[in-house]
Amino acid sequence: MEGLTYDTVLAFCQSWSVVYFSLMFAVAFAYAFWPSNKKRFSEAAYMPLRDSDGDE
């Protein structure tokens, strides 16, 4: 563990965080545009516009 300095740990974290967040973005993008989720997201998009009587 003597070979680990602040600069090497920082460089490792910075380089792999780009990979991690790119992967998480790809997963979120795929989830949002997955065909089976279309109905659920369409219903959620119009939820604020529905006339609600408060008895739900």
Protein backbone atom coordinates (compact mmCIF):
# COMPACT_ATOMS: atom_id res chain seq x y z
CA MET A 1 0.00 0.00 0.00
CA GLU A 2 3.02 2.31 0.03
CA GLY A 3 2.70 2.90 -3.72
CA LEU A 4 -0.67 4.60 -3.34
CA THR A 5 -0.36 8.33 -3.13
CA TYR A 6 -3.07 10.93 -3.19
CA ASP A 7 -2.34 11.72 -6.83
CA THR A 8 -2.62 8.09 -7.99
CA VAL A 9 -5.86 7.54 -6.09
CA LEU A 10 -7.23 10.81 -7.46
CA ALA A 11 -6.32 9.87 -11.03
CA PHE A 12 -7.90 6.44 -10.61
CA CYS A 13 -11.13 7.89 -9.20
CA GLN A 14 -11.38 10.55 -11.87
CA SER A 15 -10.86 8.14 -14.74
CA TRP A 16 -13.19 5.41 -13.47
CA SER A 17 -15.89 7.83 -12.39
CA VAL A 18 -16.29 8.84 -16.04
CA VAL A 19 -16.80 5.18 -16.95
CA TYR A 20 -19.21 4.64 -14.04
CA PHE A 21 -21.39 7.68 -14.78
CA SER A 22 -21.39 6.94 -18.51
CA LEU A 23 -22.62 3.44 -17.76
CA MET A 24 -25.29 4.75 -15.38
CA PHE A 25 -26.42 7.25 -18.04
CA ALA A 26 -26.69 4.47 -20.62
CA VAL A 27 -28.76 2.36 -18.22
CA ALA A 28 -31.10 5.26 -17.40
CA PHE A 29 -31.43 6.12 -21.08
CA ALA A 30 -32.26 2.51 -21.98
CA TYR A 31 -34.81 2.32 -19.15
CA ALA A 32 -36.50 5.54 -20.22
CA PHE A 33 -36.83 4.48 -23.85
CA TRP A 34 -37.62 0.79 -23.28
CA PRO A 35 -40.81 -0.01 -25.24
CA SER A 36 -42.60 -1.71 -22.34
CA ASN A 37 -42.29 1.46 -20.19
CA LYS A 38 -44.01 3.72 -22.73
CA LYS A 39 -47.52 3.34 -21.28
CA ARG A 40 -46.37 3.98 -17.70
CA PHE A 41 -44.44 7.12 -18.66
CA SER A 42 -47.29 8.41 -20.83
CA GLU A 43 -49.70 8.07 -17.91
CA ALA A 44 -47.25 9.79 -15.56
CA ALA A 45 -46.77 12.68 -18.01
CA TYR A 46 -50.47 13.54 -17.95
CA MET A 47 -50.97 12.98 -14.22
CA PRO A 48 -50.70 16.70 -13.27
CA LEU A 49 -53.31 17.61 -15.89
CA ARG A 50 -55.99 15.21 -14.69
CA ASP A 51 -59.04 16.62 -12.94
CA SER A 52 -58.78 15.33 -9.41
CA ASP A 53 -61.63 15.53 -6.90
CA GLY A 54 -59.38 14.50 -4.03
CA ASP A 55 -61.10 11.19 -3.48
CA GLU A 56 -58.27 9.03 -4.77
